[in-house]
Amino acid sequence: MAFGSKNSTPSFVLTLPLDISLNEQDYLYKEFKKCGVIYNQLVSTTTKMWHQLRKTRKYRELMAAIAKATPDSDEQKTLFKQREKMLKEYRFSEDAFHKLVVPYAKHYAINSHIAQAVASDVWKAWSTFFFSKGKEVHYKSALLSVRRAGCLFDNCYLSYIFDYRPFA
């Protein structure tokens, strides 16, 4: 089993409130706003990429063949693999999204780990669209949480989520 999975190691969640001043609250709000803008710009860019892919004859023929193939057949599985390969050619993968987000992160002066987390969220939306029952990839009006993961020590894995909940 992979290191860090829920079944192999004990996991603990510690939730602590942040005691911050009004200036710090404004700073956090601006940072979350920047992440929301980056998310929406990445969704816009990838939606344009999707429209270009959808217009190609090869993709339309492949999707028609998938629709005609009997479910759970070897033919359908090979067609799905061809579709995955075509998606990677048109830069629909998590790694490609991580590369797409770099200019936005530089422009908005966002940490690269945070920008990659935003790109991973966009990829999660697209993978739901392509491989699950997702109907559409939506823009977000406000981004209220950002996650970051990293390795602190050789045997310790740290993952944390910042949630922004404005004061009432």
Protein backbone atom coordinates (compact mmCIF):
# COMPACT_ATOMS: atom_id res chain seq x y z
CA MET A 1 0.00 0.00 0.00
CA ALA A 2 1.24 3.50 -0.78
CA PHE A 3 2.74 5.55 2.00
CA GLY A 4 0.32 8.04 3.44
CA SER A 5 -2.89 6.28 2.46
CA LYS A 6 -5.64 6.17 5.03
CA ASN A 7 -5.48 2.40 5.47
CA SER A 8 -1.74 2.06 6.10
CA THR A 9 -0.99 4.83 8.58
CA PRO A 10 -2.94 6.46 11.38
CA SER A 11 -4.20 9.92 10.44
CA PHE A 12 -5.08 12.81 12.70
CA VAL A 13 -6.86 16.07 11.99
CA LEU A 14 -6.15 19.12 14.10
CA THR A 15 -8.31 22.16 13.49
CA LEU A 16 -7.16 25.42 15.01
CA PRO A 17 -8.74 28.84 14.57
CA LEU A 18 -6.47 31.64 13.41
CA ASP A 19 -6.35 34.62 15.72
CA ILE A 20 -5.64 37.38 13.23
CA SER A 21 -5.99 41.12 13.08
CA LEU A 22 -8.05 43.05 10.56
CA ASN A 23 -4.98 43.76 8.39
CA GLU A 24 -4.10 40.07 8.26
CA GLN A 25 -7.70 39.24 7.43
CA ASP A 26 -7.59 41.67 4.50
CA TYR A 27 -4.31 40.14 3.31
CA LEU A 28 -5.75 36.61 3.42
CA TYR A 29 -8.86 37.77 1.58
CA LYS A 30 -6.70 39.25 -1.20
CA GLU A 31 -4.63 36.05 -1.48
CA PHE A 32 -7.74 33.88 -1.72
CA LYS A 33 -9.17 36.28 -4.27
CA LYS A 34 -6.00 35.91 -6.38
CA CYS A 35 -6.31 32.12 -6.20
CA GLY A 36 -9.94 32.38 -7.32
CA VAL A 37 -8.93 34.55 -10.28
CA ILE A 38 -6.20 32.07 -11.24
CA TYR A 39 -8.71 29.20 -11.01
CA ASN A 40 -11.17 30.98 -13.28
CA GLN A 41 -8.48 31.97 -15.79
CA LEU A 42 -7.24 28.39 -15.92
CA VAL A 43 -10.80 27.13 -16.43
CA SER A 44 -11.20 29.64 -19.26
CA THR A 45 -7.95 28.55 -20.93
CA THR A 46 -8.73 24.86 -20.62
CA THR A 47 -12.28 25.38 -21.86
CA LYS A 48 -10.86 26.93 -25.03
CA MET A 49 -8.55 23.92 -25.35
CA TRP A 50 -11.58 21.63 -24.93
CA HIS A 51 -13.51 23.44 -27.67
CA GLN A 52 -10.54 23.04 -30.03
CA LEU A 53 -10.31 19.33 -29.27
CA ARG A 54 -14.05 18.83 -29.65
CA LYS A 55 -13.98 20.41 -33.11
CA THR A 56 -11.47 17.91 -34.53
CA ARG A 57 -12.80 15.22 -36.85
CA LYS A 58 -10.64 12.57 -35.22
CA TYR A 59 -12.16 13.22 -31.78
CA ARG A 60 -15.74 13.28 -33.10
CA GLU A 61 -15.20 9.98 -34.91
CA LEU A 62 -13.65 8.47 -31.81
CA MET A 63 -16.58 9.55 -29.63
CA ALA A 64 -19.05 8.14 -32.17
CA ALA A 65 -17.17 4.83 -32.11
CA ILE A 66 -17.24 4.80 -28.30
CA ALA A 67 -21.00 5.39 -28.36
CA LYS A 68 -21.52 2.52 -30.83
CA ALA A 69 -19.27 0.05 -28.99
CA THR A 70 -20.89 -2.40 -26.62
CA PRO A 71 -20.35 -1.50 -22.97
CA ASP A 72 -17.47 -3.21 -21.12
CA SER A 73 -16.10 -4.76 -24.30
CA ASP A 74 -12.44 -4.96 -25.28
CA GLU A 75 -13.19 -2.67 -28.22
CA GLN A 76 -14.60 0.01 -25.93
CA LYS A 77 -11.59 -0.26 -23.60
CA THR A 78 -9.17 0.30 -26.49
CA LEU A 79 -11.26 3.26 -27.65
CA PHE A 80 -11.12 4.73 -24.15
CA LYS A 81 -7.34 4.36 -24.16
CA GLN A 82 -7.20 6.15 -27.51
CA ARG A 83 -9.32 8.95 -26.04
CA GLU A 84 -6.98 9.24 -23.03
CA LYS A 85 -4.00 9.43 -25.38
CA MET A 86 -5.72 12.13 -27.43
CA LEU A 87 -6.53 14.10 -24.28
CA LYS A 88 -2.86 14.01 -23.28
CA GLU A 89 -1.88 15.21 -26.77
CA TYR A 90 -4.16 18.20 -26.29
CA ARG A 91 -2.58 18.88 -22.85
CA PHE A 92 -5.40 17.56 -20.69
CA SER A 93 -3.42 16.11 -17.78
CA GLU A 94 -2.57 17.25 -14.30
CA ASP A 95 1.08 17.81 -15.20
CA ALA A 96 0.12 19.92 -18.20
CA PHE A 97 -2.18 22.01 -16.01
CA HIS A 98 0.68 22.54 -13.56
CA LYS A 99 2.71 23.96 -16.44
CA LEU A 100 -0.21 26.10 -17.62
CA VAL A 101 -0.60 27.77 -14.23
CA VAL A 102 3.03 29.01 -14.00
CA PRO A 103 2.50 32.33 -15.85
CA TYR A 104 -0.58 33.11 -13.76
CA ALA A 105 1.30 32.35 -10.54
CA LYS A 106 4.12 34.66 -11.56
CA HIS A 107 1.76 37.45 -12.57
CA TYR A 108 -0.18 37.33 -9.30
CA ALA A 109 2.88 36.55 -7.13
CA ILE A 110 1.42 33.34 -5.74
CA ASN A 111 3.57 30.58 -4.26
CA SER A 112 4.12 27.79 -6.80
CA HIS A 113 2.82 25.12 -4.40
CA ILE A 114 -0.43 27.00 -3.96
CA ALA A 115 -0.72 27.58 -7.73
CA GLN A 116 -0.18 23.87 -8.36
CA ALA A 117 -2.91 23.08 -5.84
CA VAL A 118 -5.25 25.38 -7.77
CA ALA A 119 -4.24 23.64 -11.03
CA SER A 120 -4.91 20.27 -9.41
CA ASP A 121 -8.39 21.47 -8.46
CA VAL A 122 -9.03 22.47 -12.08
CA TRP A 123 -7.75 19.07 -13.25
CA LYS A 124 -10.05 17.36 -10.74
CA ALA A 125 -13.00 19.20 -12.28
CA TRP A 126 -11.95 18.20 -15.81
CA SER A 127 -11.28 14.58 -14.86
CA THR A 128 -14.78 14.42 -13.38
CA PHE A 129 -16.07 15.84 -16.66
CA PHE A 130 -14.15 13.36 -18.81
CA PHE A 131 -14.11 10.19 -16.76
CA SER A 132 -17.14 10.41 -14.46
CA LYS A 133 -20.60 11.85 -14.72
CA GLY A 134 -19.58 15.51 -14.82
CA LYS A 135 -21.65 17.64 -17.17
CA GLU A 136 -19.69 20.88 -17.18
CA VAL A 137 -16.69 22.58 -15.60
CA HIS A 138 -17.87 25.61 -13.69
CA TYR A 139 -16.21 28.87 -12.74
CA LYS A 140 -16.04 29.77 -9.06
CA SER A 141 -17.29 33.05 -7.69
CA ALA A 142 -15.07 32.78 -4.61
CA LEU A 143 -12.30 30.42 -3.66
CA LEU A 144 -12.59 29.77 0.06
CA SER A 145 -9.98 27.07 0.64
CA VAL A 146 -6.51 26.29 -0.59
CA ARG A 147 -4.67 23.11 0.24
CA ARG A 148 -0.98 22.45 0.32
CA ALA A 149 0.92 19.24 0.83
CA GLY A 150 4.57 18.55 1.38
CA CYS A 151 7.08 16.34 3.06
CA LEU A 152 8.66 17.72 6.22
CA PHE A 153 10.79 14.78 7.29
CA ASP A 154 11.68 11.40 5.86
CA ASN A 155 8.83 9.63 7.60
CA CYS A 156 6.27 12.41 8.03
CA TYR A 157 3.82 13.71 5.46
CA LEU A 158 2.09 17.01 6.08
CA SER A 159 -1.01 18.21 4.34
CA TYR A 160 -2.89 21.29 5.36
CA ILE A 161 -5.90 23.26 4.19
CA PHE A 162 -6.48 26.96 4.66
CA ASP A 163 -10.16 27.81 4.86
CA TYR A 164 -11.25 31.40 4.65
CA ARG A 165 -14.40 32.19 6.52
CA PRO A 166 -14.87 35.94 6.82
CA PHE A 167 -15.99 37.37 10.13
CA ALA A 168 -19.67 38.14 10.39
